[in-house]
Amino acid sequence: MQNGATIAVLDEILEPVTNAFSRDVAQALVNIKAGEAAQTRIADLAEKCNEGRLTTAEQAEYESYVQAVDMISVLQAKARAWMAQHRAA
């Protein structure tokens, strides 16, 4: 599945999650950031991927990171939109 298609599917599937948002939950989602070790690993895998040097295991690991980042990005976008709609609340 292409990245754009993945994002669209995640957006649709995760839409009901917005019903559970509160200001605290939305803010917590917006603030999610990968830890330093994960960021370093992702950068290392990305570099190897760009150079065509990933092993099969590394490719699977990298794809898992990309999928996780995609899901978190969609949740963060939804949280930001929810917060914008509920500013006065």
C-alpha atoms as a PDB file:
ATOM      1  CA  MET A   1       0.000   0.000   0.000  1.00  0.00           C
ATOM      2  CA  GLN A   2       1.329   3.414  -0.900  1.00  0.00           C
ATOM      3  CA  ASN A   3       1.903   5.938   1.864  1.00  0.00           C
ATOM      4  CA  GLY A   4      -0.934   8.238   0.734  1.00  0.00           C
ATOM      5  CA  ALA A   5      -3.346   5.331   0.624  1.00  0.00           C
ATOM      6  CA  THR A   6      -2.144   4.171   4.036  1.00  0.00           C
ATOM      7  CA  ILE A   7      -2.803   7.615   5.511  1.00  0.00           C
ATOM      8  CA  ALA A   8      -6.296   7.727   3.997  1.00  0.00           C
ATOM      9  CA  VAL A   9      -7.171   4.309   5.410  1.00  0.00           C
ATOM     10  CA  LEU A  10      -5.784   5.218   8.838  1.00  0.00           C
ATOM     11  CA  ASP A  11      -7.698   8.498   8.776  1.00  0.00           C
ATOM     12  CA  GLU A  12     -10.949   6.654   8.118  1.00  0.00           C
ATOM     13  CA  ILE A  13     -10.358   3.848  10.618  1.00  0.00           C
ATOM     14  CA  LEU A  14      -9.200   6.173  13.397  1.00  0.00           C
ATOM     15  CA  GLU A  15     -12.039   8.684  12.987  1.00  0.00           C
ATOM     16  CA  PRO A  16     -14.109   7.141  15.821  1.00  0.00           C
ATOM     17  CA  VAL A  17     -11.183   7.711  18.184  1.00  0.00           C
ATOM     18  CA  THR A  18     -11.877  11.446  18.060  1.00  0.00           C
ATOM     19  CA  ASN A  19     -15.111  10.805  19.957  1.00  0.00           C
ATOM     20  CA  ALA A  20     -13.006   9.889  22.995  1.00  0.00           C
ATOM     21  CA  PHE A  21     -10.851  13.019  22.883  1.00  0.00           C
ATOM     22  CA  SER A  22     -10.717  15.464  25.732  1.00  0.00           C
ATOM     23  CA  ARG A  23      -8.416  18.472  25.830  1.00  0.00           C
ATOM     24  CA  ASP A  24      -5.880  16.485  27.896  1.00  0.00           C
ATOM     25  CA  VAL A  25      -5.989  13.455  25.594  1.00  0.00           C
ATOM     26  CA  ALA A  26      -5.685  15.585  22.469  1.00  0.00           C
ATOM     27  CA  GLN A  27      -2.765  17.542  23.934  1.00  0.00           C
ATOM     28  CA  ALA A  28      -1.027  14.322  24.999  1.00  0.00           C
ATOM     29  CA  LEU A  29      -1.337  12.963  21.457  1.00  0.00           C
ATOM     30  CA  VAL A  30       0.021  16.178  19.968  1.00  0.00           C
ATOM     31  CA  ASN A  31       3.011  15.962  22.305  1.00  0.00           C
ATOM     32  CA  ILE A  32       3.952  12.369  21.451  1.00  0.00           C
ATOM     33  CA  LYS A  33       7.533  12.143  20.293  1.00  0.00           C
ATOM     34  CA  ALA A  34       9.681   9.075  19.766  1.00  0.00           C
ATOM     35  CA  GLY A  35      12.463   8.586  22.260  1.00  0.00           C
ATOM     36  CA  GLU A  36      16.028   9.380  21.362  1.00  0.00           C
ATOM     37  CA  ALA A  37      16.976   5.726  20.807  1.00  0.00           C
ATOM     38  CA  ALA A  38      14.039   5.187  18.434  1.00  0.00           C
ATOM     39  CA  GLN A  39      14.807   8.400  16.537  1.00  0.00           C
ATOM     40  CA  THR A  40      18.425   7.339  16.122  1.00  0.00           C
ATOM     41  CA  ARG A  41      17.431   3.868  14.944  1.00  0.00           C
ATOM     42  CA  ILE A  42      14.924   5.260  12.450  1.00  0.00           C
ATOM     43  CA  ALA A  43      17.550   7.653  11.073  1.00  0.00           C
ATOM     44  CA  ASP A  44      20.067   4.818  10.741  1.00  0.00           C
ATOM     45  CA  LEU A  45      17.558   2.592   8.972  1.00  0.00           C
ATOM     46  CA  ALA A  46      16.444   5.455   6.705  1.00  0.00           C
ATOM     47  CA  GLU A  47      20.027   6.118   5.670  1.00  0.00           C
ATOM     48  CA  LYS A  48      20.643   2.452   4.924  1.00  0.00           C
ATOM     49  CA  CYS A  49      17.346   2.276   3.021  1.00  0.00           C
ATOM     50  CA  ASN A  50      18.300   5.275   0.879  1.00  0.00           C
ATOM     51  CA  GLU A  51      21.593   3.569   0.121  1.00  0.00           C
ATOM     52  CA  GLY A  52      19.917   0.233  -0.653  1.00  0.00           C
ATOM     53  CA  ARG A  53      21.747  -1.559   2.171  1.00  0.00           C
ATOM     54  CA  LEU A  54      18.895  -2.823   4.372  1.00  0.00           C
ATOM     55  CA  THR A  55      18.814  -6.493   5.253  1.00  0.00           C
ATOM     56  CA  THR A  56      15.464  -8.291   5.088  1.00  0.00           C
ATOM     57  CA  ALA A  57      15.111  -8.003   8.864  1.00  0.00           C
ATOM     58  CA  GLU A  58      16.012  -4.317   8.804  1.00  0.00           C
ATOM     59  CA  GLN A  59      13.517  -3.701   5.995  1.00  0.00           C
ATOM     60  CA  ALA A  60      10.758  -5.267   8.106  1.00  0.00           C
ATOM     61  CA  GLU A  61      11.838  -3.222  11.127  1.00  0.00           C
ATOM     62  CA  TYR A  62      11.940  -0.009   9.103  1.00  0.00           C
ATOM     63  CA  GLU A  63       8.492  -0.678   7.639  1.00  0.00           C
ATOM     64  CA  SER A  64       7.164  -1.188  11.178  1.00  0.00           C
ATOM     65  CA  TYR A  65       8.562   2.175  12.228  1.00  0.00           C
ATOM     66  CA  VAL A  66       7.053   3.847   9.155  1.00  0.00           C
ATOM     67  CA  GLN A  67       3.638   2.327   9.872  1.00  0.00           C
ATOM     68  CA  ALA A  68       3.808   3.423  13.504  1.00  0.00           C
ATOM     69  CA  VAL A  69       4.830   6.949  12.514  1.00  0.00           C
ATOM     70  CA  ASP A  70       1.994   7.090   9.983  1.00  0.00           C
ATOM     71  CA  MET A  71      -0.549   6.084  12.631  1.00  0.00           C
ATOM     72  CA  ILE A  72       0.787   8.545  15.189  1.00  0.00           C
ATOM     73  CA  SER A  73       0.829  11.314  12.568  1.00  0.00           C
ATOM     74  CA  VAL A  74      -2.829  10.719  11.730  1.00  0.00           C
ATOM     75  CA  LEU A  75      -3.768  10.701  15.422  1.00  0.00           C
ATOM     76  CA  GLN A  76      -1.819  13.918  15.969  1.00  0.00           C
ATOM     77  CA  ALA A  77      -3.536  15.594  13.019  1.00  0.00           C
ATOM     78  CA  LYS A  78      -6.912  14.548  14.382  1.00  0.00           C
ATOM     79  CA  ALA A  79      -5.958  15.813  17.830  1.00  0.00           C
ATOM     80  CA  ARG A  80      -4.866  19.182  16.417  1.00  0.00           C
ATOM     81  CA  ALA A  81      -8.099  19.481  14.455  1.00  0.00           C
ATOM     82  CA  TRP A  82     -10.135  18.554  17.533  1.00  0.00           C
ATOM     83  CA  MET A  83      -8.300  21.154  19.606  1.00  0.00           C
ATOM     84  CA  ALA A  84      -8.890  23.826  16.957  1.00  0.00           C
ATOM     85  CA  GLN A  85     -12.613  23.034  16.912  1.00  0.00           C
ATOM     86  CA  HIS A  86     -12.848  23.059  20.703  1.00  0.00           C
ATOM     87  CA  ARG A  87     -10.758  26.127  21.542  1.00  0.00           C
ATOM     88  CA  ALA A  88     -13.537  27.960  23.311  1.00  0.00           C
ATOM     89  CA  ALA A  89     -14.552  24.921  25.351  1.00  0.00           C
END
